[in-house]
N, C-alpha and C. Protein backbone atom coordinates (compact mmCIF):
# COMPACT_ATOMS: atom_id res chain seq x y z
N MET A 1 95.12 156.95 -88.87
CA MET A 1 95.59 157.25 -90.19
C MET A 1 96.17 158.66 -90.20
N ALA A 2 97.33 158.82 -90.80
CA ALA A 2 98.00 160.12 -90.83
C ALA A 2 97.30 161.05 -91.81
N ALA A 3 97.28 162.34 -91.45
CA ALA A 3 96.69 163.35 -92.33
C ALA A 3 97.57 163.53 -93.56
N ALA A 4 96.94 163.86 -94.68
CA ALA A 4 97.68 164.10 -95.91
C ALA A 4 98.55 165.33 -95.74
N ALA A 5 99.73 165.29 -96.34
CA ALA A 5 100.65 166.43 -96.24
C ALA A 5 100.06 167.63 -96.97
N LEU A 6 100.18 168.76 -96.36
CA LEU A 6 99.70 170.00 -96.96
C LEU A 6 100.70 170.49 -97.99
N PRO A 7 100.23 171.14 -99.05
CA PRO A 7 101.19 171.71 -100.01
C PRO A 7 101.96 172.85 -99.35
N PRO A 8 103.17 173.13 -99.82
CA PRO A 8 103.95 174.20 -99.20
C PRO A 8 103.30 175.56 -99.40
N VAL A 9 103.48 176.43 -98.41
CA VAL A 9 103.01 177.80 -98.53
C VAL A 9 103.95 178.50 -99.49
N THR A 10 103.40 179.20 -100.47
CA THR A 10 104.26 179.84 -101.46
C THR A 10 104.09 181.35 -101.51
N ARG A 11 103.20 181.90 -100.68
CA ARG A 11 103.05 183.35 -100.66
C ARG A 11 102.50 183.78 -99.32
N GLN A 12 102.76 185.02 -98.97
CA GLN A 12 102.26 185.60 -97.72
C GLN A 12 100.80 185.95 -97.91
N VAL A 13 99.97 185.56 -96.99
CA VAL A 13 98.55 185.88 -97.04
C VAL A 13 98.22 186.70 -95.81
N SER A 14 97.52 187.79 -96.01
CA SER A 14 97.15 188.65 -94.89
C SER A 14 95.69 189.02 -95.02
N GLY A 15 95.01 189.14 -93.89
CA GLY A 15 93.60 189.49 -93.90
C GLY A 15 93.36 190.98 -94.07
N ARG A 16 94.41 191.78 -94.02
CA ARG A 16 94.23 193.22 -94.16
C ARG A 16 95.19 193.75 -95.22
N ALA A 17 94.76 194.78 -95.86
CA ALA A 17 95.61 195.39 -96.88
C ALA A 17 96.74 196.13 -96.19
N ALA A 18 97.91 196.02 -96.74
CA ALA A 18 99.06 196.72 -96.17
C ALA A 18 99.91 197.27 -97.29
N ALA A 19 100.55 198.36 -97.02
CA ALA A 19 101.44 198.93 -98.01
C ALA A 19 102.62 198.00 -98.20
N VAL A 20 103.02 197.81 -99.42
CA VAL A 20 104.17 196.98 -99.72
C VAL A 20 105.42 197.78 -99.38
N PRO A 21 106.31 197.22 -98.53
CA PRO A 21 107.50 197.97 -98.18
C PRO A 21 108.41 198.15 -99.37
N SER A 22 109.15 199.26 -99.37
CA SER A 22 110.13 199.42 -100.43
C SER A 22 111.31 198.52 -100.11
N GLY A 23 111.92 197.99 -101.12
CA GLY A 23 113.03 197.07 -100.93
C GLY A 23 112.95 195.98 -101.96
N PRO A 24 113.75 194.94 -101.82
CA PRO A 24 113.76 193.86 -102.81
C PRO A 24 112.47 193.06 -102.77
N GLU A 25 112.23 192.30 -103.83
CA GLU A 25 111.04 191.47 -103.92
C GLU A 25 111.44 190.02 -104.08
N CYS A 26 110.52 189.12 -103.73
CA CYS A 26 110.75 187.69 -103.92
C CYS A 26 110.95 187.42 -105.41
N GLY A 27 111.79 186.45 -105.70
CA GLY A 27 112.04 186.09 -107.09
C GLY A 27 113.12 186.93 -107.73
N GLN A 28 113.55 187.98 -107.07
CA GLN A 28 114.64 188.80 -107.59
C GLN A 28 115.89 188.51 -106.77
N PRO A 29 117.04 188.68 -107.37
CA PRO A 29 118.27 188.48 -106.58
C PRO A 29 118.48 189.63 -105.60
N LEU A 30 119.09 189.32 -104.50
CA LEU A 30 119.48 190.34 -103.54
C LEU A 30 120.57 191.18 -104.19
N ALA A 31 120.47 192.48 -104.09
CA ALA A 31 121.47 193.36 -104.69
C ALA A 31 122.86 193.04 -104.13
N ALA A 32 123.84 193.02 -105.00
CA ALA A 32 125.22 192.73 -104.59
C ALA A 32 125.68 193.71 -103.51
N ALA A 33 125.25 194.97 -103.61
CA ALA A 33 125.66 195.97 -102.62
C ALA A 33 125.14 195.61 -101.23
N VAL A 34 123.96 194.99 -101.16
CA VAL A 34 123.42 194.57 -99.85
C VAL A 34 124.16 193.32 -99.37
N ALA A 35 124.41 192.37 -100.27
CA ALA A 35 125.12 191.15 -99.90
C ALA A 35 126.52 191.43 -99.39
N GLU A 36 127.12 192.52 -99.84
CA GLU A 36 128.49 192.87 -99.42
C GLU A 36 128.53 193.62 -98.09
N LEU A 37 127.39 194.11 -97.61
CA LEU A 37 127.38 194.84 -96.34
C LEU A 37 127.80 193.91 -95.20
N PRO A 38 128.52 194.43 -94.22
CA PRO A 38 128.99 193.56 -93.14
C PRO A 38 127.97 193.40 -92.01
N VAL A 39 128.01 192.21 -91.42
CA VAL A 39 127.40 191.96 -90.12
C VAL A 39 128.55 191.57 -89.21
N LEU A 40 128.32 191.66 -87.91
CA LEU A 40 129.37 191.32 -86.94
C LEU A 40 128.96 190.09 -86.15
N ASP A 41 129.92 189.19 -85.92
CA ASP A 41 129.63 188.03 -85.08
C ASP A 41 129.91 188.37 -83.62
N ALA A 42 129.80 187.39 -82.74
CA ALA A 42 129.92 187.62 -81.30
C ALA A 42 131.30 188.11 -80.87
N SER A 43 132.31 187.91 -81.72
CA SER A 43 133.65 188.40 -81.39
C SER A 43 133.97 189.72 -82.08
N GLY A 44 133.00 190.27 -82.83
CA GLY A 44 133.21 191.53 -83.52
C GLY A 44 133.80 191.38 -84.91
N ARG A 45 133.96 190.15 -85.37
CA ARG A 45 134.50 189.89 -86.71
C ARG A 45 133.47 190.24 -87.77
N ARG A 46 133.90 190.99 -88.79
CA ARG A 46 133.02 191.41 -89.88
C ARG A 46 132.87 190.26 -90.88
N VAL A 47 131.61 189.98 -91.25
CA VAL A 47 131.30 188.94 -92.21
C VAL A 47 130.36 189.55 -93.25
N PRO A 48 130.64 189.38 -94.54
CA PRO A 48 129.69 189.89 -95.54
C PRO A 48 128.34 189.19 -95.38
N PHE A 49 127.28 189.98 -95.38
CA PHE A 49 125.92 189.43 -95.22
C PHE A 49 125.67 188.27 -96.18
N GLY A 50 126.04 188.42 -97.43
CA GLY A 50 125.81 187.38 -98.43
C GLY A 50 126.55 186.08 -98.18
N ALA A 51 127.64 186.13 -97.43
CA ALA A 51 128.38 184.91 -97.12
C ALA A 51 127.58 183.97 -96.21
N LEU A 52 126.60 184.52 -95.50
CA LEU A 52 125.81 183.71 -94.56
C LEU A 52 124.92 182.70 -95.28
N PHE A 53 124.57 182.98 -96.52
CA PHE A 53 123.64 182.09 -97.25
C PHE A 53 124.15 181.78 -98.66
N ARG A 54 125.44 181.95 -98.88
CA ARG A 54 126.02 181.70 -100.21
C ARG A 54 125.89 180.23 -100.61
N GLU A 55 126.12 179.32 -99.66
CA GLU A 55 126.19 177.89 -99.98
C GLU A 55 124.89 177.12 -99.78
N ARG A 56 123.97 177.67 -98.99
CA ARG A 56 122.71 176.95 -98.76
C ARG A 56 121.61 177.91 -98.36
N ARG A 57 120.41 177.41 -98.37
CA ARG A 57 119.25 178.22 -98.03
C ARG A 57 119.29 178.59 -96.55
N ALA A 58 118.84 179.81 -96.25
CA ALA A 58 118.85 180.28 -94.87
C ALA A 58 117.56 181.01 -94.54
N VAL A 59 117.08 180.79 -93.34
CA VAL A 59 116.01 181.60 -92.77
C VAL A 59 116.72 182.66 -91.95
N VAL A 60 116.53 183.93 -92.34
CA VAL A 60 117.20 185.04 -91.66
C VAL A 60 116.12 185.88 -90.97
N VAL A 61 116.21 185.94 -89.65
CA VAL A 61 115.24 186.68 -88.86
C VAL A 61 115.91 187.94 -88.33
N PHE A 62 115.38 189.09 -88.73
CA PHE A 62 115.86 190.38 -88.23
C PHE A 62 114.97 190.78 -87.06
N VAL A 63 115.58 190.96 -85.89
CA VAL A 63 114.80 191.36 -84.72
C VAL A 63 114.92 192.87 -84.51
N ARG A 64 113.91 193.45 -83.88
CA ARG A 64 113.90 194.90 -83.62
C ARG A 64 115.10 195.29 -82.78
N HIS A 65 115.26 194.68 -81.63
CA HIS A 65 116.43 194.88 -80.79
C HIS A 65 116.41 193.83 -79.69
N PHE A 66 117.53 193.63 -79.06
CA PHE A 66 117.67 192.56 -78.08
C PHE A 66 116.91 192.82 -76.78
N LEU A 67 116.45 194.04 -76.54
CA LEU A 67 115.69 194.34 -75.33
C LEU A 67 114.18 194.31 -75.56
N CYS A 68 113.76 194.04 -76.78
CA CYS A 68 112.33 193.93 -77.08
C CYS A 68 111.83 192.60 -76.52
N TYR A 69 110.86 192.67 -75.62
CA TYR A 69 110.35 191.45 -74.98
C TYR A 69 109.74 190.48 -76.00
N ILE A 70 109.00 191.00 -76.96
CA ILE A 70 108.38 190.14 -77.97
C ILE A 70 109.46 189.45 -78.81
N CYS A 71 110.50 190.20 -79.19
CA CYS A 71 111.61 189.62 -79.97
C CYS A 71 112.33 188.55 -79.14
N LYS A 72 112.52 188.82 -77.86
CA LYS A 72 113.16 187.85 -76.97
C LYS A 72 112.37 186.55 -76.93
N GLU A 73 111.05 186.64 -76.78
CA GLU A 73 110.22 185.44 -76.77
C GLU A 73 110.27 184.70 -78.11
N TYR A 74 110.27 185.46 -79.19
CA TYR A 74 110.33 184.85 -80.53
C TYR A 74 111.65 184.08 -80.68
N VAL A 75 112.75 184.68 -80.25
CA VAL A 75 114.05 184.01 -80.35
C VAL A 75 114.12 182.82 -79.39
N GLU A 76 113.48 182.91 -78.24
CA GLU A 76 113.41 181.74 -77.35
C GLU A 76 112.73 180.58 -78.07
N ASP A 77 111.68 180.88 -78.83
CA ASP A 77 111.01 179.83 -79.59
C ASP A 77 111.88 179.34 -80.75
N LEU A 78 112.58 180.23 -81.42
CA LEU A 78 113.51 179.80 -82.47
C LEU A 78 114.57 178.85 -81.91
N ALA A 79 114.96 179.08 -80.66
CA ALA A 79 115.97 178.24 -80.01
C ALA A 79 115.48 176.80 -79.85
N LYS A 80 114.18 176.59 -79.87
CA LYS A 80 113.61 175.26 -79.71
C LYS A 80 113.65 174.43 -80.98
N ILE A 81 114.04 175.03 -82.10
CA ILE A 81 114.12 174.29 -83.36
C ILE A 81 115.36 173.41 -83.30
N PRO A 82 115.18 172.09 -83.33
CA PRO A 82 116.35 171.20 -83.26
C PRO A 82 117.27 171.39 -84.47
N LYS A 83 118.56 171.40 -84.20
CA LYS A 83 119.53 171.53 -85.29
C LYS A 83 119.36 170.40 -86.29
N SER A 84 118.96 169.22 -85.82
CA SER A 84 118.78 168.09 -86.72
C SER A 84 117.67 168.36 -87.74
N PHE A 85 116.61 169.08 -87.36
CA PHE A 85 115.54 169.42 -88.30
C PHE A 85 116.09 170.29 -89.42
N LEU A 86 116.92 171.25 -89.06
CA LEU A 86 117.51 172.16 -90.05
C LEU A 86 118.50 171.42 -90.94
N GLN A 87 119.33 170.57 -90.34
CA GLN A 87 120.32 169.82 -91.10
C GLN A 87 119.67 168.89 -92.12
N GLU A 88 118.56 168.24 -91.74
CA GLU A 88 117.85 167.35 -92.67
C GLU A 88 117.40 168.09 -93.92
N ALA A 89 117.04 169.36 -93.78
CA ALA A 89 116.56 170.17 -94.91
C ALA A 89 117.67 171.01 -95.53
N ASN A 90 118.91 170.89 -95.02
CA ASN A 90 120.05 171.69 -95.47
C ASN A 90 119.74 173.19 -95.42
N VAL A 91 119.23 173.60 -94.26
CA VAL A 91 118.84 175.00 -94.02
C VAL A 91 119.58 175.49 -92.79
N THR A 92 119.97 176.74 -92.81
CA THR A 92 120.57 177.35 -91.63
C THR A 92 119.61 178.42 -91.09
N LEU A 93 119.64 178.61 -89.79
CA LEU A 93 118.79 179.60 -89.13
C LEU A 93 119.70 180.69 -88.58
N ILE A 94 119.38 181.94 -88.92
CA ILE A 94 120.23 183.07 -88.55
C ILE A 94 119.35 184.17 -87.95
N VAL A 95 119.78 184.71 -86.83
CA VAL A 95 119.14 185.89 -86.25
C VAL A 95 120.11 187.05 -86.40
N ILE A 96 119.58 188.21 -86.79
CA ILE A 96 120.38 189.43 -86.88
C ILE A 96 119.70 190.50 -86.03
N GLY A 97 120.48 191.11 -85.17
CA GLY A 97 119.99 192.19 -84.32
C GLY A 97 120.62 193.50 -84.72
N GLN A 98 120.16 194.59 -84.09
CA GLN A 98 120.69 195.92 -84.41
C GLN A 98 121.36 196.52 -83.20
N SER A 99 122.26 195.78 -82.63
CA SER A 99 122.91 196.16 -81.40
C SER A 99 124.42 196.06 -81.59
N SER A 100 125.14 196.27 -80.53
CA SER A 100 126.58 196.03 -80.52
C SER A 100 126.82 194.53 -80.45
N TYR A 101 127.91 194.08 -81.02
CA TYR A 101 128.23 192.65 -80.96
C TYR A 101 128.46 192.19 -79.52
N HIS A 102 128.76 193.10 -78.62
CA HIS A 102 128.96 192.74 -77.22
C HIS A 102 127.69 192.17 -76.58
N HIS A 103 126.55 192.45 -77.16
CA HIS A 103 125.27 191.99 -76.60
C HIS A 103 124.86 190.61 -77.10
N ILE A 104 125.57 190.06 -78.07
CA ILE A 104 125.19 188.75 -78.63
C ILE A 104 125.26 187.65 -77.58
N GLU A 105 126.39 187.50 -76.94
CA GLU A 105 126.55 186.40 -75.98
C GLU A 105 125.54 186.46 -74.83
N PRO A 106 125.35 187.62 -74.18
CA PRO A 106 124.34 187.67 -73.11
C PRO A 106 122.93 187.37 -73.63
N PHE A 107 122.60 187.83 -74.85
CA PHE A 107 121.27 187.56 -75.41
C PHE A 107 121.09 186.06 -75.66
N CYS A 108 122.12 185.40 -76.16
CA CYS A 108 122.03 183.96 -76.39
C CYS A 108 121.87 183.20 -75.08
N LYS A 109 122.58 183.62 -74.05
CA LYS A 109 122.43 182.98 -72.74
C LYS A 109 121.03 183.18 -72.20
N LEU A 110 120.49 184.38 -72.38
CA LEU A 110 119.15 184.71 -71.90
C LEU A 110 118.07 183.90 -72.61
N THR A 111 118.22 183.71 -73.92
CA THR A 111 117.18 183.06 -74.72
C THR A 111 117.42 181.57 -74.96
N GLY A 112 118.62 181.09 -74.72
CA GLY A 112 118.94 179.70 -75.01
C GLY A 112 119.20 179.46 -76.49
N TYR A 113 119.36 180.54 -77.25
CA TYR A 113 119.55 180.44 -78.70
C TYR A 113 120.98 180.01 -79.02
N SER A 114 121.13 178.92 -79.82
CA SER A 114 122.46 178.41 -80.13
C SER A 114 122.73 178.33 -81.63
N HIS A 115 121.80 178.82 -82.45
CA HIS A 115 122.03 178.85 -83.89
C HIS A 115 122.86 180.11 -84.22
N GLU A 116 123.05 180.40 -85.49
CA GLU A 116 123.87 181.56 -85.88
C GLU A 116 123.19 182.87 -85.51
N ILE A 117 124.02 183.83 -85.08
CA ILE A 117 123.50 185.15 -84.71
C ILE A 117 124.57 186.20 -85.00
N TYR A 118 124.11 187.32 -85.53
CA TYR A 118 124.99 188.43 -85.90
C TYR A 118 124.27 189.74 -85.58
N VAL A 119 125.00 190.85 -85.73
CA VAL A 119 124.38 192.17 -85.57
C VAL A 119 124.72 193.06 -86.76
N ASP A 120 123.81 193.99 -87.00
CA ASP A 120 123.96 195.04 -88.01
C ASP A 120 123.85 196.36 -87.24
N PRO A 121 124.92 196.75 -86.53
CA PRO A 121 124.81 197.90 -85.61
C PRO A 121 124.48 199.22 -86.31
N GLU A 122 124.81 199.35 -87.56
CA GLU A 122 124.50 200.59 -88.29
C GLU A 122 123.12 200.53 -88.95
N ARG A 123 122.46 199.37 -88.86
CA ARG A 123 121.11 199.17 -89.41
C ARG A 123 121.06 199.35 -90.93
N GLU A 124 122.18 199.23 -91.56
CA GLU A 124 122.23 199.47 -93.00
C GLU A 124 121.48 198.40 -93.79
N ILE A 125 121.62 197.14 -93.39
CA ILE A 125 120.91 196.07 -94.09
C ILE A 125 119.40 196.22 -93.87
N TYR A 126 119.02 196.53 -92.65
CA TYR A 126 117.60 196.76 -92.34
C TYR A 126 117.04 197.82 -93.29
N LYS A 127 117.74 198.93 -93.41
CA LYS A 127 117.26 200.03 -94.27
C LYS A 127 117.17 199.60 -95.72
N ARG A 128 118.20 198.92 -96.21
CA ARG A 128 118.23 198.53 -97.63
C ARG A 128 117.17 197.49 -97.96
N LEU A 129 116.74 196.72 -96.96
CA LEU A 129 115.71 195.71 -97.19
C LEU A 129 114.30 196.29 -97.03
N GLY A 130 114.21 197.58 -96.72
CA GLY A 130 112.91 198.22 -96.63
C GLY A 130 112.24 198.11 -95.28
N MET A 131 112.98 197.73 -94.26
CA MET A 131 112.41 197.66 -92.91
C MET A 131 112.36 199.07 -92.35
N LYS A 132 111.17 199.51 -92.03
CA LYS A 132 110.94 200.89 -91.63
C LYS A 132 111.25 201.12 -90.17
N ARG A 133 111.48 202.40 -89.82
CA ARG A 133 111.64 202.76 -88.41
C ARG A 133 110.30 202.60 -87.71
N GLY A 134 110.36 202.11 -86.48
CA GLY A 134 109.13 201.86 -85.75
C GLY A 134 109.08 202.59 -84.44
N GLU A 135 108.56 201.89 -83.43
CA GLU A 135 108.39 202.49 -82.12
C GLU A 135 109.74 202.82 -81.49
N GLU A 136 109.72 203.79 -80.58
CA GLU A 136 110.96 204.18 -79.91
C GLU A 136 111.38 203.11 -78.92
N ILE A 137 112.69 202.96 -78.78
CA ILE A 137 113.24 202.09 -77.75
C ILE A 137 113.17 202.89 -76.45
N ALA A 138 112.49 202.34 -75.46
CA ALA A 138 112.17 203.09 -74.25
C ALA A 138 113.37 203.71 -73.56
N PHE A 139 114.47 202.99 -73.46
CA PHE A 139 115.60 203.50 -72.69
C PHE A 139 116.41 204.55 -73.43
N SER A 140 116.26 204.65 -74.76
CA SER A 140 117.11 205.59 -75.48
C SER A 140 116.33 206.64 -76.27
N GLY A 141 115.05 206.39 -76.49
CA GLY A 141 114.26 207.30 -77.32
C GLY A 141 114.59 207.16 -78.79
N ASP A 142 115.44 206.19 -79.14
CA ASP A 142 115.86 205.97 -80.53
C ASP A 142 114.88 205.01 -81.20
N PRO A 143 114.28 205.41 -82.32
CA PRO A 143 113.37 204.47 -82.98
C PRO A 143 114.13 203.32 -83.63
N ALA A 144 113.72 202.11 -83.31
CA ALA A 144 114.35 200.92 -83.89
C ALA A 144 113.76 200.65 -85.27
N GLN A 145 114.55 200.02 -86.12
CA GLN A 145 114.01 199.54 -87.39
C GLN A 145 113.11 198.36 -87.05
N GLN A 146 112.01 198.21 -87.76
CA GLN A 146 111.18 197.03 -87.58
C GLN A 146 111.98 195.83 -88.07
N GLY A 147 111.62 194.66 -87.63
CA GLY A 147 112.31 193.45 -88.04
C GLY A 147 111.65 192.81 -89.24
N GLY A 148 112.00 191.58 -89.48
CA GLY A 148 111.42 190.85 -90.58
C GLY A 148 112.05 189.48 -90.72
N THR A 149 111.52 188.69 -91.64
CA THR A 149 112.02 187.35 -91.91
C THR A 149 112.23 187.20 -93.40
N LEU A 150 113.38 186.67 -93.77
CA LEU A 150 113.69 186.41 -95.17
C LEU A 150 114.13 184.97 -95.33
N ILE A 151 113.87 184.42 -96.51
CA ILE A 151 114.45 183.14 -96.89
C ILE A 151 115.33 183.46 -98.08
N LEU A 152 116.61 183.18 -97.92
CA LEU A 152 117.62 183.54 -98.92
C LEU A 152 118.49 182.33 -99.24
N GLY A 153 119.09 182.36 -100.43
CA GLY A 153 120.10 181.39 -100.81
C GLY A 153 119.55 180.13 -101.43
N PRO A 154 120.43 179.30 -101.93
CA PRO A 154 121.86 179.58 -102.03
C PRO A 154 122.13 180.72 -103.01
N GLY A 155 123.25 181.36 -102.81
CA GLY A 155 123.56 182.55 -103.60
C GLY A 155 122.70 183.71 -103.12
N ASN A 156 122.51 184.69 -103.97
CA ASN A 156 121.74 185.89 -103.60
C ASN A 156 120.26 185.78 -103.97
N ASN A 157 119.74 184.58 -103.99
CA ASN A 157 118.33 184.37 -104.33
C ASN A 157 117.43 184.69 -103.15
N ILE A 158 116.39 185.50 -103.42
CA ILE A 158 115.39 185.83 -102.41
C ILE A 158 114.17 184.96 -102.68
N HIS A 159 113.79 184.14 -101.70
CA HIS A 159 112.64 183.25 -101.85
C HIS A 159 111.41 183.75 -101.12
N PHE A 160 111.62 184.54 -100.06
CA PHE A 160 110.50 184.99 -99.24
C PHE A 160 110.94 186.21 -98.44
N ILE A 161 110.03 187.18 -98.31
CA ILE A 161 110.29 188.35 -97.48
C ILE A 161 109.02 188.67 -96.69
N HIS A 162 109.19 188.89 -95.41
CA HIS A 162 108.10 189.40 -94.56
C HIS A 162 108.70 190.51 -93.72
N CYS A 163 108.29 191.75 -93.96
CA CYS A 163 108.72 192.88 -93.14
C CYS A 163 107.66 193.12 -92.08
N ASP A 164 108.06 193.05 -90.82
CA ASP A 164 107.12 193.27 -89.72
C ASP A 164 106.56 194.68 -89.79
N ARG A 165 105.25 194.80 -89.59
CA ARG A 165 104.61 196.12 -89.58
C ARG A 165 104.65 196.76 -88.19
N ASN A 166 104.82 195.92 -87.16
CA ASN A 166 104.93 196.39 -85.79
C ASN A 166 105.59 195.29 -84.97
N ARG A 167 105.80 195.53 -83.68
CA ARG A 167 106.54 194.58 -82.87
C ARG A 167 105.83 193.24 -82.67
N LEU A 168 104.54 193.18 -82.96
CA LEU A 168 103.78 191.94 -82.79
C LEU A 168 103.59 191.17 -84.10
N ASP A 169 104.18 191.64 -85.18
CA ASP A 169 103.90 191.09 -86.51
C ASP A 169 104.95 190.10 -86.98
N HIS A 170 105.58 189.35 -86.08
CA HIS A 170 106.53 188.32 -86.51
C HIS A 170 105.80 187.25 -87.32
N LYS A 171 106.47 186.72 -88.32
CA LYS A 171 105.90 185.63 -89.12
C LYS A 171 105.87 184.37 -88.25
N PRO A 172 104.75 183.64 -88.24
CA PRO A 172 104.69 182.40 -87.45
C PRO A 172 105.82 181.44 -87.83
N ILE A 173 106.50 180.92 -86.82
CA ILE A 173 107.70 180.10 -87.04
C ILE A 173 107.41 178.88 -87.89
N ASN A 174 106.37 178.12 -87.56
CA ASN A 174 106.10 176.90 -88.34
C ASN A 174 105.73 177.20 -89.79
N ALA A 175 105.13 178.36 -90.05
CA ALA A 175 104.85 178.74 -91.44
C ALA A 175 106.15 178.96 -92.21
N VAL A 176 107.13 179.57 -91.55
CA VAL A 176 108.44 179.77 -92.20
C VAL A 176 109.14 178.43 -92.40
N LEU A 177 109.10 177.58 -91.39
CA LEU A 177 109.73 176.27 -91.51
C LEU A 177 109.13 175.47 -92.66
N GLN A 178 107.81 175.57 -92.83
CA GLN A 178 107.14 174.87 -93.92
C GLN A 178 107.66 175.34 -95.27
N LEU A 179 107.93 176.63 -95.40
CA LEU A 179 108.42 177.19 -96.66
C LEU A 179 109.77 176.62 -97.07
N VAL A 180 110.59 176.22 -96.11
CA VAL A 180 111.92 175.70 -96.43
C VAL A 180 112.02 174.19 -96.26
N GLY A 181 110.88 173.52 -96.05
CA GLY A 181 110.88 172.07 -95.97
C GLY A 181 111.39 171.51 -94.65
N VAL A 182 111.35 172.32 -93.58
CA VAL A 182 111.76 171.85 -92.25
C VAL A 182 110.50 171.40 -91.53
N GLN A 183 110.58 170.24 -90.87
CA GLN A 183 109.41 169.74 -90.16
C GLN A 183 109.00 170.71 -89.05
N PRO A 184 107.70 170.78 -88.78
CA PRO A 184 107.21 171.72 -87.76
C PRO A 184 107.68 171.34 -86.37
N VAL A 185 107.72 172.34 -85.52
CA VAL A 185 108.15 172.16 -84.13
C VAL A 185 106.91 172.28 -83.24
N ASP A 186 106.82 171.41 -82.26
CA ASP A 186 105.70 171.45 -81.31
C ASP A 186 106.05 172.44 -80.20
N PHE A 187 105.36 173.57 -80.21
CA PHE A 187 105.60 174.60 -79.21
C PHE A 187 104.57 174.54 -78.07
N THR A 188 103.82 173.46 -77.96
CA THR A 188 102.72 173.41 -76.99
C THR A 188 103.19 173.33 -75.55
N GLY A 189 104.46 173.15 -75.31
CA GLY A 189 104.97 173.11 -73.93
C GLY A 189 104.79 174.44 -73.20
N ARG A 190 104.67 175.53 -73.98
CA ARG A 190 104.48 176.85 -73.36
C ARG A 190 103.66 177.68 -74.34
N PRO A 191 102.53 178.21 -73.91
CA PRO A 191 101.74 179.01 -74.83
C PRO A 191 102.49 180.26 -75.27
N SER A 192 102.34 180.60 -76.53
CA SER A 192 102.98 181.81 -77.06
C SER A 192 102.15 182.31 -78.22
N VAL A 193 102.03 183.61 -78.33
CA VAL A 193 101.26 184.19 -79.42
C VAL A 193 102.13 184.52 -80.62
N THR A 194 103.42 184.27 -80.55
CA THR A 194 104.31 184.68 -81.62
C THR A 194 104.40 183.69 -82.77
N HIS A 195 103.84 182.49 -82.63
CA HIS A 195 104.00 181.51 -83.71
C HIS A 195 102.76 180.70 -83.99
N VAL A 196 101.64 181.03 -83.42
CA VAL A 196 100.43 180.25 -83.65
C VAL A 196 99.64 180.78 -84.82
C-alpha cells in the first residue's frame, strides 16, 4: 500500500536560531530594480534577471562559485533532475554563478548540468537579495557571496528564499522540489550530504 502524500512544505524550518538576512521576503514581489539587473548566458548575452521567471515558476539556485567543491557536487545532483519532472510541473531550474560567462560551458561539462545556467559576475543580484560575503576563495583571496535558493515567478512573485549561511548550508534538493510540486528524485545511487 502506498504511503499517503505529505502536505507541501510551506516554510523553512531550522533547528537553530539564525539572523534573518536583509533582502526581500517571501510573499513580497521582487523589486523591479533587481528584476532588471542583467545576468549573462554562456555566450555573454545579457538577459534581465526577471525575464528568467516571467512566464513560469522557477527554482533559482545561486552558487558561491564554480570552483567550490560543495557547490559542484550540489549542481551535479541538480543535473540528475529529469527535465520531464520539471516540465510536468511547469517549473524551470536555473543555476546562477558569480563568475565570468566563459566558465559556464566548462562547468556544465564538469557537472553534467544541462538545465539553464547564467552568471552574475558583478554579484549585484547576490548583494540585493541579501546574500552575505563569506569565506575567501582560496586562489584569489576574494570573499565570495554566499549562495542561496529562491522560488520565483511567474512574474516577480517571491515564493521561497533560503540564503546559505555557509558553504555547507544548501537547501536539500527534494525539499525544494516538493515546494514547487516536482516529484522527488532518487539520489541513492551515490551518497551525498547536500540533499538528505
